[in-house]
Amino acid sequence: MLSSDHNITKAADSVASVLAAAAATQNTAAPFSSSNLTTSASSDSSAPYTAPVQSVSYQVDLRQYSQEALNAVLYTYSGKFYVEQKLNDDGTQVEVTLLLKDLATSLSASEQHILSGEFYQNLIDQQVRLDLEQRFGHIRDLLVAEAFKPVN
């Protein structure tokens, strides 16, 4: 095997192990299940009373996360929520508001907490995917080109 072929193989194995590790740690559950939503009439007597809400807002720092990663995450929530983005004056932060589409449901405090955790975890996951693509995408392209190269 040529030295360059060996280096490509080692790099491909490295990329494959990084991608496999990322896939293994990725949460495979749906980003936020409608089966967990509270109907407006129900109440959770075990938790301190907090009025259920129909929308939640998050601040996203665009110096830490790309707009592309944010849009990918927001798309996953677009089935259950209307999504609004407001960019601040200096363009470094986005205020994201998720508004429930179903007016007969609302989010309890615990559901808001879960949604918040899932939102930021999904944002991190998407940013890592984009970073890996930027760093190692050229290696994938080399492997695909080699795989489809004509055989003599």
N, C-alpha and C. Protein backbone atom coordinates (compact mmCIF):
# COMPACT_ATOMS: atom_id res chain seq x y z
N MET A 1 0.85 -1.17 0.00
CA MET A 1 0.00 0.00 0.00
C MET A 1 0.89 1.23 0.00
N LEU A 2 0.55 2.21 -0.83
CA LEU A 2 1.30 3.45 -0.88
C LEU A 2 1.12 4.23 0.40
N SER A 3 2.11 5.07 0.71
CA SER A 3 2.06 5.88 1.94
C SER A 3 0.84 6.79 1.97
N SER A 4 0.51 7.42 0.83
CA SER A 4 -0.65 8.33 0.80
C SER A 4 -1.95 7.54 1.00
N ASP A 5 -2.02 6.32 0.43
CA ASP A 5 -3.20 5.48 0.64
C ASP A 5 -3.33 5.09 2.11
N HIS A 6 -2.21 4.79 2.73
CA HIS A 6 -2.21 4.43 4.15
C HIS A 6 -2.68 5.61 5.00
N ASN A 7 -2.20 6.82 4.66
CA ASN A 7 -2.61 8.02 5.40
C ASN A 7 -4.10 8.29 5.23
N ILE A 8 -4.62 8.11 4.02
CA ILE A 8 -6.06 8.30 3.79
C ILE A 8 -6.86 7.29 4.58
N THR A 9 -6.38 6.04 4.60
CA THR A 9 -7.08 5.00 5.37
C THR A 9 -7.09 5.32 6.85
N LYS A 10 -5.93 5.76 7.38
CA LYS A 10 -5.86 6.13 8.80
C LYS A 10 -6.79 7.30 9.10
N ALA A 11 -6.81 8.29 8.22
CA ALA A 11 -7.68 9.45 8.42
C ALA A 11 -9.14 9.04 8.35
N ALA A 12 -9.47 8.17 7.42
CA ALA A 12 -10.85 7.70 7.30
C ALA A 12 -11.27 6.94 8.55
N ASP A 13 -10.39 6.10 9.07
CA ASP A 13 -10.70 5.37 10.30
C ASP A 13 -10.91 6.33 11.46
N SER A 14 -10.08 7.38 11.52
CA SER A 14 -10.21 8.38 12.57
C SER A 14 -11.54 9.12 12.47
N VAL A 15 -11.89 9.52 11.25
CA VAL A 15 -13.16 10.22 11.05
C VAL A 15 -14.32 9.30 11.39
N ALA A 16 -14.22 8.04 10.95
CA ALA A 16 -15.29 7.09 11.24
C ALA A 16 -15.48 6.90 12.74
N SER A 17 -14.39 6.85 13.49
CA SER A 17 -14.53 6.66 14.94
C SER A 17 -15.10 7.91 15.60
N VAL A 18 -14.72 9.10 15.12
CA VAL A 18 -15.29 10.34 15.67
C VAL A 18 -16.78 10.41 15.37
N LEU A 19 -17.17 10.10 14.13
CA LEU A 19 -18.57 10.14 13.76
C LEU A 19 -19.39 9.08 14.50
N ALA A 20 -18.81 7.90 14.69
CA ALA A 20 -19.51 6.85 15.43
C ALA A 20 -19.72 7.26 16.87
N ALA A 21 -18.71 7.87 17.48
CA ALA A 21 -18.84 8.34 18.86
C ALA A 21 -19.90 9.43 18.96
N ALA A 22 -19.92 10.34 17.99
CA ALA A 22 -20.92 11.41 18.00
C ALA A 22 -22.32 10.84 17.83
N ALA A 23 -22.46 9.86 16.95
CA ALA A 23 -23.77 9.24 16.73
C ALA A 23 -24.23 8.48 17.97
N ALA A 24 -23.30 7.84 18.66
CA ALA A 24 -23.66 7.07 19.85
C ALA A 24 -24.14 7.97 20.98
N THR A 25 -23.59 9.17 21.06
CA THR A 25 -23.98 10.07 22.14
C THR A 25 -25.19 10.91 21.78
N GLN A 26 -25.57 10.91 20.49
CA GLN A 26 -26.72 11.71 20.06
C GLN A 26 -28.00 11.15 20.65
N ASN A 27 -28.83 12.03 21.13
CA ASN A 27 -30.13 11.63 21.66
C ASN A 27 -31.01 11.23 20.49
N THR A 28 -31.47 9.98 20.47
CA THR A 28 -32.26 9.49 19.35
C THR A 28 -33.74 9.76 19.52
N ALA A 29 -34.17 10.27 20.66
CA ALA A 29 -35.57 10.56 20.87
C ALA A 29 -35.97 11.80 20.08
N ALA A 30 -37.26 11.93 19.82
CA ALA A 30 -37.77 13.11 19.14
C ALA A 30 -37.50 14.34 19.99
N PRO A 31 -37.20 15.48 19.38
CA PRO A 31 -36.82 16.67 20.14
C PRO A 31 -37.81 17.07 21.22
N PHE A 32 -39.09 16.99 20.97
CA PHE A 32 -40.05 17.29 22.02
C PHE A 32 -41.34 16.66 21.61
N SER A 33 -41.79 15.71 22.37
CA SER A 33 -42.94 14.93 22.00
C SER A 33 -44.23 15.61 22.44
N SER A 34 -45.21 15.63 21.57
CA SER A 34 -46.50 16.22 21.92
C SER A 34 -47.21 15.39 22.97
N SER A 35 -46.82 14.14 23.13
CA SER A 35 -47.46 13.30 24.15
C SER A 35 -47.11 13.78 25.56
N ASN A 36 -46.07 14.60 25.68
CA ASN A 36 -45.68 15.12 26.99
C ASN A 36 -46.34 16.44 27.33
N LEU A 37 -47.08 17.03 26.40
CA LEU A 37 -47.67 18.34 26.65
C LEU A 37 -48.83 18.23 27.62
N THR A 38 -48.97 19.26 28.43
CA THR A 38 -50.05 19.32 29.40
C THR A 38 -51.24 20.01 28.77
N THR A 39 -52.43 19.45 28.99
CA THR A 39 -53.61 20.15 28.52
C THR A 39 -53.89 21.29 29.47
N SER A 40 -54.55 22.32 29.01
CA SER A 40 -54.78 23.49 29.84
C SER A 40 -55.56 23.18 31.10
N ALA A 41 -56.40 22.17 31.07
CA ALA A 41 -57.25 21.87 32.21
C ALA A 41 -56.53 21.09 33.30
N SER A 42 -55.41 20.45 32.98
CA SER A 42 -54.75 19.62 33.98
C SER A 42 -53.80 20.43 34.84
N SER A 43 -53.47 19.90 36.00
CA SER A 43 -52.50 20.56 36.86
C SER A 43 -51.65 19.53 37.55
N ASP A 44 -50.44 19.89 37.88
CA ASP A 44 -49.50 19.00 38.55
C ASP A 44 -49.47 19.38 40.02
N SER A 45 -50.14 18.59 40.87
CA SER A 45 -50.26 18.96 42.28
C SER A 45 -48.99 18.69 43.06
N SER A 46 -48.05 17.90 42.51
CA SER A 46 -46.83 17.59 43.23
C SER A 46 -45.80 18.70 43.12
N ALA A 47 -45.92 19.55 42.11
CA ALA A 47 -44.95 20.63 41.92
C ALA A 47 -45.55 21.94 42.41
N PRO A 48 -44.68 22.87 42.81
CA PRO A 48 -45.21 24.19 43.18
C PRO A 48 -45.93 24.80 41.98
N TYR A 49 -46.99 25.53 42.26
CA TYR A 49 -47.79 26.05 41.16
C TYR A 49 -47.02 27.08 40.35
N THR A 50 -46.96 26.82 39.07
CA THR A 50 -46.43 27.77 38.11
C THR A 50 -47.42 27.75 36.96
N ALA A 51 -47.85 28.90 36.54
CA ALA A 51 -48.84 28.97 35.47
C ALA A 51 -48.27 28.34 34.20
N PRO A 52 -49.03 27.44 33.59
CA PRO A 52 -48.59 26.87 32.32
C PRO A 52 -48.48 27.99 31.27
N VAL A 53 -47.59 27.81 30.34
CA VAL A 53 -47.37 28.82 29.30
C VAL A 53 -47.55 28.21 27.92
N GLN A 54 -47.77 29.06 26.95
CA GLN A 54 -47.93 28.63 25.57
C GLN A 54 -46.68 28.89 24.74
N SER A 55 -45.74 29.66 25.28
CA SER A 55 -44.53 29.94 24.52
C SER A 55 -43.33 30.01 25.46
N VAL A 56 -42.16 29.78 24.89
CA VAL A 56 -40.90 29.90 25.63
C VAL A 56 -39.92 30.64 24.73
N SER A 57 -38.99 31.35 25.37
CA SER A 57 -37.99 32.11 24.62
C SER A 57 -36.59 31.74 25.09
N TYR A 58 -35.66 31.77 24.17
CA TYR A 58 -34.27 31.45 24.45
C TYR A 58 -33.38 32.48 23.80
N GLN A 59 -32.24 32.74 24.40
CA GLN A 59 -31.22 33.60 23.82
C GLN A 59 -30.11 32.70 23.25
N VAL A 60 -29.75 32.92 22.01
CA VAL A 60 -28.69 32.13 21.37
C VAL A 60 -27.59 33.08 20.92
N ASP A 61 -26.38 32.81 21.36
CA ASP A 61 -25.22 33.63 21.03
C ASP A 61 -24.64 33.15 19.69
N LEU A 62 -24.71 34.01 18.69
CA LEU A 62 -24.22 33.64 17.35
C LEU A 62 -22.71 33.62 17.26
N ARG A 63 -22.02 34.06 18.30
CA ARG A 63 -20.56 33.92 18.32
C ARG A 63 -20.19 32.49 18.72
N GLN A 64 -21.12 31.79 19.34
CA GLN A 64 -20.88 30.41 19.79
C GLN A 64 -21.53 29.38 18.86
N TYR A 65 -22.69 29.71 18.32
CA TYR A 65 -23.43 28.79 17.44
C TYR A 65 -23.71 29.49 16.13
N SER A 66 -23.60 28.76 15.04
CA SER A 66 -23.85 29.35 13.73
C SER A 66 -25.35 29.44 13.48
N GLN A 67 -25.72 30.36 12.60
CA GLN A 67 -27.13 30.50 12.21
C GLN A 67 -27.61 29.22 11.54
N GLU A 68 -26.72 28.55 10.81
CA GLU A 68 -27.07 27.29 10.15
C GLU A 68 -27.45 26.21 11.17
N ALA A 69 -26.68 26.11 12.25
CA ALA A 69 -26.98 25.14 13.30
C ALA A 69 -28.31 25.49 13.97
N LEU A 70 -28.52 26.76 14.24
CA LEU A 70 -29.77 27.20 14.87
C LEU A 70 -30.96 26.89 13.99
N ASN A 71 -30.86 27.17 12.70
CA ASN A 71 -31.97 26.89 11.79
C ASN A 71 -32.28 25.40 11.72
N ALA A 72 -31.25 24.56 11.75
CA ALA A 72 -31.47 23.11 11.73
C ALA A 72 -32.24 22.67 12.97
N VAL A 73 -31.89 23.23 14.12
CA VAL A 73 -32.58 22.89 15.37
C VAL A 73 -34.02 23.39 15.32
N LEU A 74 -34.21 24.62 14.90
CA LEU A 74 -35.56 25.20 14.88
C LEU A 74 -36.47 24.44 13.93
N TYR A 75 -35.93 23.92 12.87
CA TYR A 75 -36.73 23.12 11.94
C TYR A 75 -37.32 21.90 12.65
N THR A 76 -36.56 21.29 13.56
CA THR A 76 -37.07 20.10 14.25
C THR A 76 -38.24 20.43 15.17
N TYR A 77 -38.37 21.68 15.59
CA TYR A 77 -39.47 22.09 16.46
C TYR A 77 -40.65 22.67 15.69
N SER A 78 -40.51 22.84 14.39
CA SER A 78 -41.55 23.52 13.62
C SER A 78 -42.84 22.72 13.47
N GLY A 79 -42.82 21.45 13.79
CA GLY A 79 -44.04 20.67 13.74
C GLY A 79 -45.01 21.00 14.87
N LYS A 80 -44.49 21.29 16.04
CA LYS A 80 -45.32 21.55 17.23
C LYS A 80 -45.39 23.03 17.59
N PHE A 81 -44.42 23.82 17.11
CA PHE A 81 -44.33 25.21 17.51
C PHE A 81 -44.23 26.13 16.30
N TYR A 82 -44.76 27.34 16.45
CA TYR A 82 -44.43 28.43 15.54
C TYR A 82 -43.10 28.97 16.05
N VAL A 83 -42.21 29.30 15.14
CA VAL A 83 -40.87 29.72 15.52
C VAL A 83 -40.65 31.17 15.09
N GLU A 84 -40.14 31.97 16.01
CA GLU A 84 -39.81 33.36 15.70
C GLU A 84 -38.37 33.62 16.12
N GLN A 85 -37.64 34.34 15.26
CA GLN A 85 -36.26 34.72 15.57
C GLN A 85 -36.14 36.24 15.48
N LYS A 86 -35.53 36.82 16.50
CA LYS A 86 -35.27 38.27 16.48
C LYS A 86 -33.79 38.48 16.75
N LEU A 87 -33.12 39.09 15.79
CA LEU A 87 -31.69 39.39 15.90
C LEU A 87 -31.51 40.70 16.67
N ASN A 88 -30.57 40.72 17.61
CA ASN A 88 -30.34 41.96 18.36
C ASN A 88 -29.61 42.97 17.47
N ASP A 89 -29.47 44.19 17.96
CA ASP A 89 -28.93 45.28 17.16
C ASP A 89 -27.52 45.04 16.64
N ASP A 90 -26.66 44.43 17.47
CA ASP A 90 -25.27 44.22 17.02
C ASP A 90 -25.07 42.90 16.29
N GLY A 91 -26.13 42.12 16.12
CA GLY A 91 -26.06 40.89 15.34
C GLY A 91 -25.34 39.73 16.00
N THR A 92 -25.17 39.80 17.32
CA THR A 92 -24.45 38.71 18.00
C THR A 92 -25.38 37.75 18.72
N GLN A 93 -26.62 38.13 18.94
CA GLN A 93 -27.55 37.26 19.65
C GLN A 93 -28.90 37.22 18.94
N VAL A 94 -29.53 36.05 19.04
CA VAL A 94 -30.87 35.86 18.48
C VAL A 94 -31.78 35.47 19.62
N GLU A 95 -32.92 36.14 19.72
CA GLU A 95 -33.95 35.70 20.66
C GLU A 95 -34.89 34.80 19.88
N VAL A 96 -34.99 33.56 20.33
CA VAL A 96 -35.84 32.57 19.69
C VAL A 96 -37.07 32.38 20.56
N THR A 97 -38.25 32.45 19.95
CA THR A 97 -39.49 32.20 20.67
C THR A 97 -40.19 31.02 20.00
N LEU A 98 -40.56 30.04 20.82
CA LEU A 98 -41.33 28.89 20.35
C LEU A 98 -42.74 29.03 20.91
N LEU A 99 -43.73 29.12 20.05
CA LEU A 99 -45.13 29.28 20.44
C LEU A 99 -45.89 28.03 20.03
N LEU A 100 -46.56 27.40 21.00
CA LEU A 100 -47.30 26.19 20.69
C LEU A 100 -48.35 26.44 19.61
N LYS A 101 -48.45 25.55 18.64
CA LYS A 101 -49.46 25.67 17.60
C LYS A 101 -50.83 25.28 18.13
N ASP A 102 -50.87 24.29 19.00
CA ASP A 102 -52.13 23.80 19.55
C ASP A 102 -52.50 24.64 20.77
N LEU A 103 -53.51 25.48 20.63
CA LEU A 103 -53.90 26.38 21.72
C LEU A 103 -54.56 25.65 22.88
N ALA A 104 -54.92 24.38 22.71
CA ALA A 104 -55.55 23.62 23.78
C ALA A 104 -54.51 23.01 24.73
N THR A 105 -53.23 23.17 24.41
CA THR A 105 -52.17 22.64 25.26
C THR A 105 -51.32 23.76 25.81
N SER A 106 -50.56 23.42 26.83
CA SER A 106 -49.62 24.39 27.40
C SER A 106 -48.45 23.63 27.99
N LEU A 107 -47.43 24.35 28.37
CA LEU A 107 -46.23 23.75 28.94
C LEU A 107 -46.16 24.03 30.43
N SER A 108 -46.05 22.97 31.22
CA SER A 108 -45.85 23.14 32.66
C SER A 108 -44.40 23.52 32.90
N ALA A 109 -44.08 23.84 34.15
CA ALA A 109 -42.70 24.23 34.49
C ALA A 109 -41.72 23.10 34.17
N SER A 110 -42.09 21.86 34.48
CA SER A 110 -41.18 20.74 34.21
C SER A 110 -41.03 20.52 32.71
N GLU A 111 -42.10 20.71 31.95
CA GLU A 111 -42.02 20.57 30.50
C GLU A 111 -41.15 21.68 29.89
N GLN A 112 -41.24 22.88 30.45
CA GLN A 112 -40.39 23.99 29.99
C GLN A 112 -38.92 23.66 30.25
N HIS A 113 -38.65 23.07 31.41
CA HIS A 113 -37.28 22.69 31.76
C HIS A 113 -36.75 21.63 30.79
N ILE A 114 -37.55 20.63 30.51
CA ILE A 114 -37.15 19.57 29.58
C ILE A 114 -36.93 20.15 28.18
N LEU A 115 -37.85 20.99 27.74
CA LEU A 115 -37.74 21.60 26.42
C LEU A 115 -36.47 22.45 26.32
N SER A 116 -36.17 23.18 27.37
CA SER A 116 -34.97 24.01 27.38
C SER A 116 -33.71 23.15 27.26
N GLY A 117 -33.65 22.08 28.04
CA GLY A 117 -32.49 21.18 27.97
C GLY A 117 -32.34 20.57 26.60
N GLU A 118 -33.45 20.09 26.01
CA GLU A 118 -33.41 19.50 24.69
C GLU A 118 -32.99 20.52 23.63
N PHE A 119 -33.51 21.73 23.76
CA PHE A 119 -33.19 22.77 22.78
C PHE A 119 -31.69 23.04 22.74
N TYR A 120 -31.11 23.29 23.90
CA TYR A 120 -29.68 23.61 23.93
C TYR A 120 -28.82 22.40 23.60
N GLN A 121 -29.24 21.20 23.97
CA GLN A 121 -28.48 20.00 23.61
C GLN A 121 -28.52 19.78 22.10
N ASN A 122 -29.68 19.98 21.49
CA ASN A 122 -29.79 19.85 20.03
C ASN A 122 -28.96 20.91 19.32
N LEU A 123 -28.88 22.10 19.91
CA LEU A 123 -28.06 23.16 19.33
C LEU A 123 -26.58 22.78 19.35
N ILE A 124 -26.14 22.22 20.45
CA ILE A 124 -24.75 21.75 20.54
C ILE A 124 -24.51 20.63 19.53
N ASP A 125 -25.43 19.67 19.45
CA ASP A 125 -25.28 18.55 18.51
C ASP A 125 -25.15 19.04 17.07
N GLN A 126 -26.01 19.97 16.67
CA GLN A 126 -25.97 20.49 15.30
C GLN A 126 -24.66 21.23 15.02
N GLN A 127 -24.20 22.00 16.02
CA GLN A 127 -22.96 22.74 15.82
C GLN A 127 -21.77 21.79 15.68
N VAL A 128 -21.76 20.72 16.48
CA VAL A 128 -20.69 19.72 16.37
C VAL A 128 -20.73 19.05 15.00
N ARG A 129 -21.92 18.72 14.50
CA ARG A 129 -22.03 18.12 13.17
C ARG A 129 -21.44 19.05 12.10
N LEU A 130 -21.80 20.32 12.19
CA LEU A 130 -21.28 21.28 11.20
C LEU A 130 -19.77 21.43 11.32
N ASP A 131 -19.26 21.48 12.55
CA ASP A 131 -17.82 21.60 12.76
C ASP A 131 -17.08 20.38 12.20
N LEU A 132 -17.62 19.18 12.43
CA LEU A 132 -17.00 17.96 11.91
C LEU A 132 -17.02 17.96 10.38
N GLU A 133 -18.12 18.39 9.80
CA GLU A 133 -18.22 18.46 8.35
C GLU A 133 -17.18 19.42 7.79
N GLN A 134 -17.01 20.55 8.44
CA GLN A 134 -16.04 21.54 7.99
C GLN A 134 -14.61 21.00 8.11
N ARG A 135 -14.36 20.29 9.19
CA ARG A 135 -13.00 19.77 9.44
C ARG A 135 -12.66 18.56 8.61
N PHE A 136 -13.61 17.63 8.48
CA PHE A 136 -13.31 16.34 7.88
C PHE A 136 -14.08 16.04 6.59
N GLY A 137 -14.87 16.97 6.12
CA GLY A 137 -15.67 16.74 4.92
C GLY A 137 -14.82 16.42 3.70
N HIS A 138 -13.66 17.04 3.61
CA HIS A 138 -12.79 16.79 2.46
C HIS A 138 -12.31 15.34 2.44
N ILE A 139 -12.14 14.73 3.60
CA ILE A 139 -11.71 13.33 3.66
C ILE A 139 -12.83 12.44 3.13
N ARG A 140 -14.07 12.74 3.52
CA ARG A 140 -15.20 11.99 2.99
C ARG A 140 -15.25 12.11 1.48
N ASP A 141 -15.03 13.32 0.97
CA ASP A 141 -15.05 13.52 -0.47
C ASP A 141 -13.96 12.70 -1.17
N LEU A 142 -12.78 12.63 -0.56
CA LEU A 142 -11.71 11.79 -1.13
C LEU A 142 -12.09 10.32 -1.14
N LEU A 143 -12.71 9.85 -0.06
CA LEU A 143 -13.12 8.44 0.02
C LEU A 143 -14.19 8.12 -1.00
N VAL A 144 -15.15 9.02 -1.16
CA VAL A 144 -16.21 8.80 -2.16
C VAL A 144 -15.62 8.80 -3.56
N ALA A 145 -14.71 9.72 -3.85
CA ALA A 145 -14.07 9.76 -5.17
C ALA A 145 -13.30 8.49 -5.43
N GLU A 146 -12.59 7.99 -4.41
CA GLU A 146 -11.83 6.75 -4.56
C GLU A 146 -12.76 5.56 -4.76
N ALA A 147 -13.87 5.54 -4.05
CA ALA A 147 -14.81 4.42 -4.16
C ALA A 147 -15.46 4.34 -5.55
N PHE A 148 -15.66 5.48 -6.17
CA PHE A 148 -16.33 5.49 -7.47
C PHE A 148 -15.37 5.67 -8.65
N LYS A 149 -14.09 5.55 -8.36
CA LYS A 149 -13.09 5.66 -9.42
C LYS A 149 -13.20 4.42 -10.31
N PRO A 150 -13.11 4.60 -11.62
CA PRO A 150 -13.22 3.45 -12.52
C PRO A 150 -12.13 2.43 -12.26
N VAL A 151 -12.50 1.15 -12.36
CA VAL A 151 -11.55 0.06 -12.18
C VAL A 151 -10.97 -0.30 -13.54
N ASN A 152 -9.65 -0.39 -13.59
CA ASN A 152 -9.00 -0.73 -14.88
C ASN A 152 -8.77 -2.19 -14.98
